[in-house]
């Protein structure tokens, strides 16, 4: 079965936006890579802004699906956190890795409300995933989830700038320390009856 035209356009645009940057890639280049007419592209995506937002939404869906797979693959909350960072390390160890697609998009296209909305939603959902993991461990999730989320985001940014995927493993170790401290704190409070 042939790929739908909108998916064909989105696949071409996504690869170009991530590897070369949003501003560097013009509509004509996307049309050429997707092998479609300009009118066809605009019928599916009324503007480049719409196409960028669709690219980010598609990326969001794939990242969240991947994180959900991690939650299903690991049996304990601590193992889930560990595996999230180890999967990120595997991605970061690729020469094509440029960091967080959402941060890159906001840096280049932050004047777009569509782009900002998708990026902010993505960051919130990632933080909510950490919050869910912590809740399963009977830990008050808010502060620890914020810490884990920042470690995840910091690892993405550090690898993008420094080109050293080992930063993700450092972030993993820090994340596990945050988790262990949150567990210890919760148990201490329970033991003391507060």
N, C-alpha and C. Protein backbone atom coordinates (compact mmCIF):
# COMPACT_ATOMS: atom_id res chain seq x y z
N UNK A 1 0.84 -1.19 0.00
CA UNK A 1 0.00 0.00 0.00
C UNK A 1 0.88 1.24 0.00
N UNK A 2 0.53 2.17 -0.85
CA UNK A 2 1.32 3.39 -0.99
C UNK A 2 1.08 4.34 0.19
N UNK A 3 2.13 5.01 0.62
CA UNK A 3 2.06 5.98 1.71
C UNK A 3 1.17 7.15 1.29
N UNK A 4 0.26 7.59 2.17
CA UNK A 4 -0.56 8.76 1.85
C UNK A 4 0.32 9.98 1.53
N UNK A 5 -0.16 10.84 0.65
CA UNK A 5 0.61 12.02 0.22
C UNK A 5 1.01 12.89 1.41
N UNK A 6 0.08 13.10 2.35
CA UNK A 6 0.42 13.96 3.50
C UNK A 6 1.57 13.35 4.31
N UNK A 7 1.57 12.02 4.45
CA UNK A 7 2.67 11.35 5.16
C UNK A 7 3.97 11.45 4.37
N UNK A 8 3.87 11.35 3.07
CA UNK A 8 5.05 11.46 2.19
C UNK A 8 5.69 12.85 2.36
N UNK A 9 4.86 13.87 2.37
CA UNK A 9 5.35 15.24 2.55
C UNK A 9 5.96 15.40 3.94
N UNK A 10 5.25 14.90 4.95
CA UNK A 10 5.71 15.03 6.33
C UNK A 10 7.01 14.27 6.56
N UNK A 11 7.16 13.11 5.97
CA UNK A 11 8.39 12.33 6.11
C UNK A 11 9.58 13.10 5.53
N UNK A 12 9.40 13.64 4.34
CA UNK A 12 10.47 14.41 3.70
C UNK A 12 10.81 15.65 4.51
N UNK A 13 9.78 16.39 4.92
CA UNK A 13 10.01 17.62 5.68
C UNK A 13 10.66 17.33 7.02
N UNK A 14 10.22 16.29 7.69
CA UNK A 14 10.77 15.94 9.01
C UNK A 14 12.26 15.65 8.94
N UNK A 15 12.65 14.86 7.97
CA UNK A 15 14.07 14.52 7.83
C UNK A 15 14.89 15.78 7.56
N UNK A 16 14.40 16.63 6.70
CA UNK A 16 15.12 17.86 6.37
C UNK A 16 15.15 18.85 7.54
N UNK A 17 14.01 19.05 8.19
CA UNK A 17 13.95 20.00 9.31
C UNK A 17 14.91 19.59 10.42
N UNK A 18 14.93 18.30 10.74
CA UNK A 18 15.78 17.86 11.85
C UNK A 18 17.27 17.90 11.47
N UNK A 19 17.59 17.47 10.27
CA UNK A 19 19.01 17.39 9.90
C UNK A 19 19.62 18.72 9.48
N UNK A 20 18.80 19.60 8.88
CA UNK A 20 19.37 20.84 8.33
C UNK A 20 18.85 22.12 9.00
N UNK A 21 17.73 22.01 9.70
CA UNK A 21 17.15 23.17 10.35
C UNK A 21 15.93 23.67 9.61
N UNK A 22 15.02 24.24 10.35
CA UNK A 22 13.74 24.68 9.77
C UNK A 22 13.93 25.86 8.82
N UNK A 23 14.67 26.85 9.25
CA UNK A 23 14.85 28.03 8.41
C UNK A 23 15.68 27.74 7.15
N UNK A 24 16.58 26.78 7.26
CA UNK A 24 17.45 26.46 6.12
C UNK A 24 16.73 25.70 5.01
N UNK A 25 15.59 25.11 5.35
CA UNK A 25 14.87 24.27 4.38
C UNK A 25 13.66 25.02 3.87
N UNK A 26 13.66 25.28 2.58
CA UNK A 26 12.53 25.97 1.96
C UNK A 26 11.48 25.00 1.44
N UNK A 27 10.34 25.54 1.14
CA UNK A 27 9.23 24.74 0.63
C UNK A 27 9.61 24.03 -0.67
N UNK A 28 10.35 24.71 -1.55
CA UNK A 28 10.73 24.09 -2.82
C UNK A 28 11.57 22.84 -2.59
N UNK A 29 12.43 22.87 -1.60
CA UNK A 29 13.27 21.70 -1.29
C UNK A 29 12.40 20.55 -0.79
N UNK A 30 11.42 20.85 0.02
CA UNK A 30 10.52 19.81 0.54
C UNK A 30 9.71 19.21 -0.61
N UNK A 31 9.23 20.07 -1.51
CA UNK A 31 8.46 19.61 -2.67
C UNK A 31 9.32 18.65 -3.50
N UNK A 32 10.57 19.03 -3.70
CA UNK A 32 11.49 18.18 -4.47
C UNK A 32 11.72 16.84 -3.78
N UNK A 33 12.00 16.86 -2.49
CA UNK A 33 12.28 15.62 -1.75
C UNK A 33 11.04 14.73 -1.66
N UNK A 34 9.87 15.34 -1.50
CA UNK A 34 8.62 14.57 -1.37
C UNK A 34 8.07 14.15 -2.73
N UNK A 35 8.61 14.77 -3.78
CA UNK A 35 8.17 14.49 -5.15
C UNK A 35 6.66 14.75 -5.32
N UNK A 36 6.28 15.98 -4.92
CA UNK A 36 4.89 16.40 -5.06
C UNK A 36 4.86 17.79 -5.68
N UNK A 37 3.70 18.17 -6.16
CA UNK A 37 3.51 19.52 -6.70
C UNK A 37 3.30 20.51 -5.55
N UNK A 38 3.63 21.77 -5.80
CA UNK A 38 3.46 22.82 -4.78
C UNK A 38 2.00 22.88 -4.32
N UNK A 39 1.07 22.81 -5.27
CA UNK A 39 -0.35 22.86 -4.92
C UNK A 39 -0.74 21.69 -4.01
N UNK A 40 -0.13 20.54 -4.23
CA UNK A 40 -0.42 19.36 -3.39
C UNK A 40 0.07 19.59 -1.97
N UNK A 41 1.26 20.12 -1.84
CA UNK A 41 1.79 20.41 -0.51
C UNK A 41 0.87 21.38 0.23
N UNK A 42 0.51 22.46 -0.45
CA UNK A 42 -0.33 23.48 0.20
C UNK A 42 -1.77 23.01 0.44
N UNK A 43 -2.21 22.02 -0.29
CA UNK A 43 -3.53 21.46 -0.04
C UNK A 43 -3.52 20.70 1.30
N UNK A 44 -2.39 20.07 1.61
CA UNK A 44 -2.28 19.30 2.86
C UNK A 44 -1.77 20.15 4.03
N UNK A 45 -0.92 21.11 3.72
CA UNK A 45 -0.33 21.98 4.75
C UNK A 45 -0.39 23.42 4.23
N UNK A 46 -1.33 24.23 4.73
CA UNK A 46 -1.57 25.56 4.18
C UNK A 46 -0.39 26.52 4.26
N UNK A 47 0.57 26.23 5.14
CA UNK A 47 1.75 27.09 5.26
C UNK A 47 2.91 26.28 5.81
N UNK A 48 4.09 26.85 5.73
CA UNK A 48 5.26 26.18 6.32
C UNK A 48 5.07 26.04 7.82
N UNK A 49 4.46 27.03 8.44
CA UNK A 49 4.18 26.98 9.87
C UNK A 49 3.32 25.76 10.22
N UNK A 50 2.31 25.48 9.42
CA UNK A 50 1.48 24.30 9.63
C UNK A 50 2.30 23.02 9.47
N UNK A 51 3.19 23.01 8.49
CA UNK A 51 4.03 21.84 8.25
C UNK A 51 5.02 21.63 9.41
N UNK A 52 5.59 22.69 9.92
CA UNK A 52 6.52 22.59 11.06
C UNK A 52 5.76 22.05 12.28
N UNK A 53 4.57 22.57 12.53
CA UNK A 53 3.77 22.10 13.66
C UNK A 53 3.41 20.62 13.49
N UNK A 54 3.10 20.20 12.28
CA UNK A 54 2.78 18.79 12.02
C UNK A 54 4.01 17.92 12.23
N UNK A 55 5.18 18.41 11.81
CA UNK A 55 6.45 17.70 12.04
C UNK A 55 6.68 17.49 13.52
N UNK A 56 6.48 18.55 14.30
CA UNK A 56 6.69 18.45 15.75
C UNK A 56 5.65 17.55 16.41
N UNK A 57 4.42 17.62 15.95
CA UNK A 57 3.37 16.75 16.52
C UNK A 57 3.69 15.29 16.23
N UNK A 58 4.14 15.01 15.02
CA UNK A 58 4.53 13.64 14.66
C UNK A 58 5.71 13.19 15.52
N UNK A 59 6.67 14.05 15.71
CA UNK A 59 7.84 13.73 16.54
C UNK A 59 7.40 13.49 17.99
N UNK A 60 6.52 14.34 18.47
CA UNK A 60 5.98 14.18 19.83
C UNK A 60 5.34 12.79 19.97
N UNK A 61 4.49 12.44 19.03
CA UNK A 61 3.80 11.15 19.10
C UNK A 61 4.80 9.99 19.14
N UNK A 62 5.85 10.07 18.32
CA UNK A 62 6.84 9.00 18.28
C UNK A 62 7.65 8.93 19.58
N UNK A 63 8.05 10.08 20.11
CA UNK A 63 8.84 10.10 21.36
C UNK A 63 8.00 9.56 22.51
N UNK A 64 6.76 10.00 22.61
CA UNK A 64 5.90 9.54 23.72
C UNK A 64 5.61 8.05 23.58
N UNK A 65 5.38 7.59 22.37
CA UNK A 65 5.18 6.15 22.15
C UNK A 65 6.41 5.37 22.60
N UNK A 66 7.59 5.87 22.29
CA UNK A 66 8.84 5.22 22.70
C UNK A 66 8.98 5.21 24.22
N UNK A 67 8.63 6.32 24.87
CA UNK A 67 8.70 6.37 26.33
C UNK A 67 7.69 5.41 26.96
N UNK A 68 6.51 5.30 26.36
CA UNK A 68 5.52 4.34 26.86
C UNK A 68 6.01 2.91 26.72
N UNK A 69 6.73 2.62 25.64
CA UNK A 69 7.31 1.29 25.46
C UNK A 69 8.31 0.98 26.58
N UNK A 70 9.06 1.99 27.00
CA UNK A 70 10.00 1.82 28.11
C UNK A 70 9.23 1.48 29.38
N UNK A 71 8.13 2.19 29.62
CA UNK A 71 7.34 1.92 30.82
C UNK A 71 6.83 0.49 30.83
N UNK A 72 6.50 -0.02 29.64
CA UNK A 72 6.02 -1.40 29.53
C UNK A 72 7.15 -2.41 29.65
N UNK A 73 8.36 -2.01 29.25
CA UNK A 73 9.48 -2.96 29.20
C UNK A 73 10.16 -3.15 30.56
N UNK A 74 10.13 -2.14 31.40
CA UNK A 74 10.81 -2.23 32.69
C UNK A 74 9.78 -2.45 33.78
N UNK A 75 10.14 -3.27 34.75
CA UNK A 75 9.14 -3.67 35.75
C UNK A 75 9.07 -2.76 36.98
N UNK A 76 10.14 -2.05 37.30
CA UNK A 76 10.11 -1.20 38.49
C UNK A 76 10.29 0.26 38.09
N UNK A 77 9.80 1.19 38.90
CA UNK A 77 9.99 2.60 38.58
C UNK A 77 11.47 2.98 38.40
N UNK A 78 12.33 2.45 39.25
CA UNK A 78 13.76 2.77 39.12
C UNK A 78 14.31 2.27 37.78
N UNK A 79 13.92 1.06 37.40
CA UNK A 79 14.36 0.52 36.11
C UNK A 79 13.79 1.31 34.94
N UNK A 80 12.58 1.83 35.10
CA UNK A 80 11.97 2.64 34.04
C UNK A 80 12.79 3.92 33.82
N UNK A 81 13.16 4.57 34.90
CA UNK A 81 13.97 5.78 34.79
C UNK A 81 15.31 5.46 34.14
N UNK A 82 15.93 4.40 34.61
CA UNK A 82 17.23 3.99 34.05
C UNK A 82 17.12 3.73 32.55
N UNK A 83 16.07 3.00 32.15
CA UNK A 83 15.91 2.64 30.74
C UNK A 83 15.59 3.85 29.86
N UNK A 84 14.83 4.81 30.39
CA UNK A 84 14.56 6.03 29.62
C UNK A 84 15.87 6.69 29.22
N UNK A 85 16.78 6.84 30.16
CA UNK A 85 18.05 7.49 29.86
C UNK A 85 18.95 6.61 28.99
N UNK A 86 18.90 5.31 29.17
CA UNK A 86 19.72 4.43 28.33
C UNK A 86 19.23 4.41 26.88
N UNK A 87 17.92 4.49 26.69
CA UNK A 87 17.40 4.59 25.31
C UNK A 87 17.78 5.93 24.69
N UNK A 88 17.75 6.98 25.50
CA UNK A 88 18.18 8.29 25.01
C UNK A 88 19.65 8.25 24.63
N UNK A 89 20.45 7.56 25.41
CA UNK A 89 21.88 7.42 25.10
C UNK A 89 22.06 6.73 23.74
N UNK A 90 21.29 5.68 23.49
CA UNK A 90 21.39 4.97 22.21
C UNK A 90 21.12 5.93 21.05
N UNK A 91 20.11 6.78 21.19
CA UNK A 91 19.80 7.76 20.14
C UNK A 91 20.91 8.81 20.02
N UNK A 92 21.38 9.27 21.18
CA UNK A 92 22.40 10.33 21.20
C UNK A 92 23.73 9.86 20.65
N UNK A 93 23.94 8.56 20.62
CA UNK A 93 25.20 8.00 20.15
C UNK A 93 25.26 7.91 18.63
N UNK A 94 24.25 8.42 17.94
CA UNK A 94 24.20 8.41 16.49
C UNK A 94 24.78 9.71 15.94
N UNK A 95 25.54 9.65 14.84
CA UNK A 95 26.08 10.89 14.26
C UNK A 95 25.00 11.86 13.76
N UNK A 96 23.80 11.35 13.50
CA UNK A 96 22.71 12.20 13.02
C UNK A 96 22.02 12.95 14.15
N UNK A 97 22.31 12.60 15.39
CA UNK A 97 21.62 13.20 16.52
C UNK A 97 22.01 14.67 16.67
N UNK A 98 21.00 15.54 16.71
CA UNK A 98 21.23 16.99 16.84
C UNK A 98 20.66 17.55 18.13
N UNK A 99 20.11 16.69 18.97
CA UNK A 99 19.50 17.17 20.21
C UNK A 99 18.00 17.14 20.12
N UNK A 100 17.38 17.92 20.95
CA UNK A 100 15.92 17.96 21.06
C UNK A 100 15.31 18.72 19.88
N UNK A 101 14.49 18.04 19.12
CA UNK A 101 13.84 18.66 17.96
C UNK A 101 12.96 19.84 18.39
N UNK A 102 12.40 19.76 19.58
CA UNK A 102 11.50 20.81 20.05
C UNK A 102 12.29 22.07 20.44
N UNK A 103 13.40 21.88 21.11
CA UNK A 103 14.25 23.02 21.47
C UNK A 103 14.82 23.65 20.20
N UNK A 104 15.24 22.83 19.25
CA UNK A 104 15.76 23.35 17.99
C UNK A 104 14.68 24.17 17.26
N UNK A 105 13.47 23.65 17.24
CA UNK A 105 12.37 24.33 16.54
C UNK A 105 12.04 25.66 17.21
N UNK A 106 12.01 25.68 18.54
CA UNK A 106 11.70 26.92 19.24
C UNK A 106 12.82 27.93 19.03
N UNK A 107 14.07 27.47 19.02
CA UNK A 107 15.20 28.37 18.78
C UNK A 107 15.11 29.03 17.40
N UNK A 108 14.63 28.27 16.43
CA UNK A 108 14.56 28.79 15.06
C UNK A 108 13.21 29.42 14.71
N UNK A 109 12.17 28.94 15.31
CA UNK A 109 10.82 29.28 14.87
C UNK A 109 9.93 29.64 16.07
N UNK A 110 10.54 30.20 17.11
CA UNK A 110 9.85 30.48 18.35
C UNK A 110 8.82 31.58 18.28
N UNK A 111 8.75 32.28 17.16
CA UNK A 111 7.72 33.30 17.00
C UNK A 111 6.38 32.70 16.57
N UNK A 112 6.37 31.40 16.32
CA UNK A 112 5.15 30.71 15.90
C UNK A 112 4.42 30.15 17.11
N UNK A 113 3.19 30.58 17.29
CA UNK A 113 2.39 30.06 18.41
C UNK A 113 2.14 28.57 18.25
N UNK A 114 1.98 28.09 17.00
CA UNK A 114 1.77 26.66 16.77
C UNK A 114 2.98 25.86 17.25
N UNK A 115 4.17 26.32 16.90
CA UNK A 115 5.40 25.63 17.29
C UNK A 115 5.55 25.65 18.81
N UNK A 116 5.34 26.80 19.41
CA UNK A 116 5.46 26.92 20.87
C UNK A 116 4.46 26.00 21.59
N UNK A 117 3.26 25.94 21.08
CA UNK A 117 2.24 25.11 21.71
C UNK A 117 2.62 23.64 21.69
N UNK A 118 3.05 23.15 20.53
CA UNK A 118 3.44 21.74 20.44
C UNK A 118 4.66 21.47 21.32
N UNK A 119 5.64 22.35 21.30
CA UNK A 119 6.85 22.15 22.10
C UNK A 119 6.53 22.15 23.59
N UNK A 120 5.72 23.10 24.03
CA UNK A 120 5.36 23.17 25.45
C UNK A 120 4.56 21.94 25.87
N UNK A 121 3.66 21.52 25.03
CA UNK A 121 2.87 20.32 25.33
C UNK A 121 3.78 19.12 25.46
N UNK A 122 4.75 19.00 24.55
CA UNK A 122 5.67 17.87 24.61
C UNK A 122 6.43 17.86 25.93
N UNK A 123 6.97 18.99 26.31
CA UNK A 123 7.75 19.07 27.56
C UNK A 123 6.88 18.71 28.76
N UNK A 124 5.64 19.16 28.75
CA UNK A 124 4.73 18.84 29.86
C UNK A 124 4.43 17.35 29.91
N UNK A 125 4.22 16.72 28.77
CA UNK A 125 3.90 15.29 28.74
C UNK A 125 5.11 14.48 29.21
N UNK A 126 6.30 14.87 28.82
CA UNK A 126 7.50 14.16 29.30
C UNK A 126 7.59 14.28 30.82
N UNK A 127 7.37 15.47 31.34
CA UNK A 127 7.40 15.66 32.80
C UNK A 127 6.30 14.81 33.46
N UNK A 128 5.13 14.74 32.84
CA UNK A 128 4.04 13.92 33.38
C UNK A 128 4.40 12.43 33.39
N UNK A 129 5.18 11.99 32.43
CA UNK A 129 5.62 10.59 32.42
C UNK A 129 6.52 10.34 33.64
N UNK A 130 7.43 11.25 33.91
CA UNK A 130 8.26 11.10 35.11
C UNK A 130 7.38 11.15 36.36
N UNK A 131 6.39 12.02 36.37
CA UNK A 131 5.48 12.13 37.51
C UNK A 131 4.74 10.80 37.72
N UNK A 132 4.30 10.18 36.64
CA UNK A 132 3.61 8.89 36.73
C UNK A 132 4.52 7.81 37.30
N UNK A 133 5.76 7.77 36.83
CA UNK A 133 6.71 6.78 37.34
C UNK A 133 6.90 6.96 38.84
N UNK A 134 7.08 8.18 39.27
CA UNK A 134 7.29 8.45 40.69
C UNK A 134 6.04 8.11 41.52
N UNK A 135 4.88 8.38 40.98
CA UNK A 135 3.64 8.04 41.68
C UNK A 135 3.53 6.54 41.89
N UNK A 136 3.97 5.77 40.92
CA UNK A 136 3.94 4.31 41.05
C UNK A 136 4.87 3.82 42.15
N UNK A 137 5.87 4.64 42.46
CA UNK A 137 6.82 4.30 43.54
C UNK A 137 6.37 4.88 44.87
N UNK A 138 5.14 5.42 44.90
CA UNK A 138 4.60 6.05 46.10
C UNK A 138 5.43 7.21 46.60
N UNK A 139 5.98 7.98 45.64
CA UNK A 139 6.76 9.17 45.95
C UNK A 139 5.92 10.38 45.56
N UNK A 140 5.95 11.42 46.39
CA UNK A 140 5.30 12.67 45.97
C UNK A 140 6.05 13.16 44.75
N UNK A 141 5.37 13.22 43.61
CA UNK A 141 6.09 13.35 42.35
C UNK A 141 6.53 14.74 41.92
N UNK A 142 5.95 15.81 42.44
CA UNK A 142 6.15 17.11 41.80
C UNK A 142 7.60 17.56 41.71
N UNK A 143 8.27 17.68 42.84
CA UNK A 143 9.65 18.18 42.81
C UNK A 143 10.59 17.20 42.13
N UNK A 144 10.48 15.92 42.46
CA UNK A 144 11.37 14.93 41.85
C UNK A 144 11.12 14.82 40.35
N UNK A 145 9.85 14.93 39.92
CA UNK A 145 9.55 14.89 38.48
C UNK A 145 10.18 16.09 37.77
N UNK A 146 10.15 17.25 38.41
CA UNK A 146 10.79 18.42 37.83
C UNK A 146 12.30 18.19 37.69
N UNK A 147 12.90 17.58 38.70
CA UNK A 147 14.35 17.30 38.65
C UNK A 147 14.67 16.32 37.52
N UNK A 148 13.89 15.24 37.44
CA UNK A 148 14.14 14.23 36.40
C UNK A 148 13.95 14.82 35.01
N UNK A 149 12.93 15.62 34.86
CA UNK A 149 12.65 16.25 33.58
C UNK A 149 13.80 17.18 33.17
N UNK A 150 14.30 17.95 34.13
CA UNK A 150 15.43 18.84 33.83
C UNK A 150 16.69 18.06 33.49
N UNK A 151 16.89 16.94 34.14
CA UNK A 151 18.05 16.11 33.80
C UNK A 151 17.93 15.56 32.38
N UNK A 152 16.73 15.15 32.02
CA UNK A 152 16.47 14.64 30.67
C UNK A 152 16.71 15.74 29.62
N UNK A 153 16.14 16.92 29.88
CA UNK A 153 16.31 18.04 28.96
C UNK A 153 17.76 18.50 28.91
N UNK A 154 18.40 18.54 30.06
CA UNK A 154 19.80 18.95 30.12
C UNK A 154 20.70 17.99 29.37
N UNK A 155 20.39 16.71 29.44
CA UNK A 155 21.18 15.72 28.70
C UNK A 155 21.05 15.96 27.19
N UNK A 156 19.82 16.21 26.75
CA UNK A 156 19.60 16.50 25.32
C UNK A 156 20.40 17.72 24.88
N UNK A 157 20.35 18.77 25.66
CA UNK A 157 21.06 20.01 25.30
C UNK A 157 22.57 19.83 25.35
N UNK A 158 23.05 19.13 26.35
CA UNK A 158 24.50 18.94 26.50
C UNK A 158 25.07 18.12 25.35
N UNK A 159 24.35 17.09 24.96
CA UNK A 159 24.82 16.28 23.83
C UNK A 159 24.78 17.09 22.54
N UNK A 160 23.75 17.89 22.36
CA UNK A 160 23.64 18.70 21.14
C UNK A 160 24.81 19.66 21.01
N UNK A 161 25.23 20.25 22.12
CA UNK A 161 26.32 21.22 22.08
C UNK A 161 27.68 20.54 22.11
N UNK A 162 27.85 19.59 23.03
CA UNK A 162 29.16 18.98 23.24
C UNK A 162 29.46 17.78 22.38
N UNK A 163 28.43 17.23 21.75
CA UNK A 163 28.58 16.04 20.89
C UNK A 163 29.18 14.85 21.64
N UNK A 164 28.91 14.78 22.94
CA UNK A 164 29.39 13.66 23.74
C UNK A 164 28.20 12.95 24.39
N UNK A 165 27.80 11.80 23.85
CA UNK A 165 26.63 11.10 24.38
C UNK A 165 26.81 10.61 25.81
N UNK A 166 28.04 10.60 26.32
CA UNK A 166 28.27 10.19 27.71
C UNK A 166 27.50 11.07 28.69
N UNK A 167 27.19 12.29 28.28
CA UNK A 167 26.42 13.19 29.14
C UNK A 167 25.08 12.58 29.53
N UNK A 168 24.52 11.77 28.66
CA UNK A 168 23.24 11.13 28.96
C UNK A 168 23.42 10.11 30.09
N UNK A 169 24.54 9.42 30.09
CA UNK A 169 24.78 8.44 31.15
C UNK A 169 25.04 9.14 32.49
N UNK A 170 25.69 10.29 32.45
CA UNK A 170 25.86 11.09 33.67
C UNK A 170 24.49 11.53 34.18
N UNK A 171 23.63 12.00 33.26
CA UNK A 171 22.28 12.40 33.64
C UNK A 171 21.50 11.22 34.20
N UNK A 172 21.69 10.03 33.62
CA UNK A 172 21.02 8.82 34.13
C UNK A 172 21.41 8.58 35.58
N UNK A 173 22.72 8.66 35.86
CA UNK A 173 23.19 8.42 37.23
C UNK A 173 22.62 9.46 38.19
N UNK A 174 22.56 10.70 37.75
CA UNK A 174 21.96 11.76 38.58
C UNK A 174 20.47 11.49 38.79
N UNK A 175 19.79 11.06 37.75
CA UNK A 175 18.36 10.77 37.84
C UNK A 175 18.10 9.64 38.83
N UNK A 176 18.94 8.63 38.80
CA UNK A 176 18.77 7.53 39.75
C UNK A 176 19.03 8.00 41.18
N UNK A 177 19.97 8.91 41.35
CA UNK A 177 20.22 9.49 42.68
C UNK A 177 19.01 10.30 43.16
N UNK A 178 18.42 11.05 42.25
CA UNK A 178 17.20 11.81 42.59
C UNK A 178 16.09 10.84 43.01
N UNK A 179 15.93 9.78 42.24
CA UNK A 179 14.90 8.79 42.56
C UNK A 179 15.17 8.16 43.93
N UNK A 180 16.41 7.73 44.15
CA UNK A 180 16.75 7.09 45.43
C UNK A 180 16.54 8.05 46.60
N UNK A 181 16.89 9.31 46.42
CA UNK A 181 16.69 10.31 47.48
C UNK A 181 15.21 10.53 47.74
N UNK A 182 14.40 10.54 46.69
CA UNK A 182 12.96 10.72 46.86
C UNK A 182 12.35 9.53 47.61
N UNK A 183 12.80 8.34 47.29
CA UNK A 183 12.33 7.13 47.99
C UNK A 183 12.74 7.20 49.46
N UNK A 184 14.00 7.54 49.71
CA UNK A 184 14.50 7.63 51.09
C UNK A 184 13.72 8.67 51.88
N UNK A 185 13.50 9.81 51.27
CA UNK A 185 12.76 10.89 51.94
C UNK A 185 11.33 10.45 52.26
N UNK A 186 10.68 9.80 51.32
CA UNK A 186 9.31 9.32 51.53
C UNK A 186 9.27 8.31 52.66
N UNK A 187 10.18 7.37 52.66
CA UNK A 187 10.21 6.33 53.71
C UNK A 187 10.52 6.94 55.08
N UNK A 188 11.40 7.93 55.11
CA UNK A 188 11.72 8.59 56.37
C UNK A 188 10.50 9.31 56.92
N UNK A 189 9.76 9.97 56.05
CA UNK A 189 8.55 10.66 56.50
C UNK A 189 7.51 9.68 57.01
N UNK A 190 7.38 8.55 56.32
CA UNK A 190 6.41 7.53 56.74
C UNK A 190 6.81 6.93 58.08
N UNK A 191 8.11 6.69 58.24
CA UNK A 191 8.64 6.11 59.48
C UNK A 191 8.42 7.04 60.66
N UNK A 192 8.55 8.34 60.42
CA UNK A 192 8.37 9.33 61.47
C UNK A 192 6.92 9.74 61.64
N UNK A 193 6.05 9.18 60.82
CA UNK A 193 4.62 9.45 60.96
C UNK A 193 4.16 10.81 60.48
N UNK A 194 4.91 11.42 59.57
CA UNK A 194 4.49 12.72 59.04
C UNK A 194 4.02 12.61 57.62
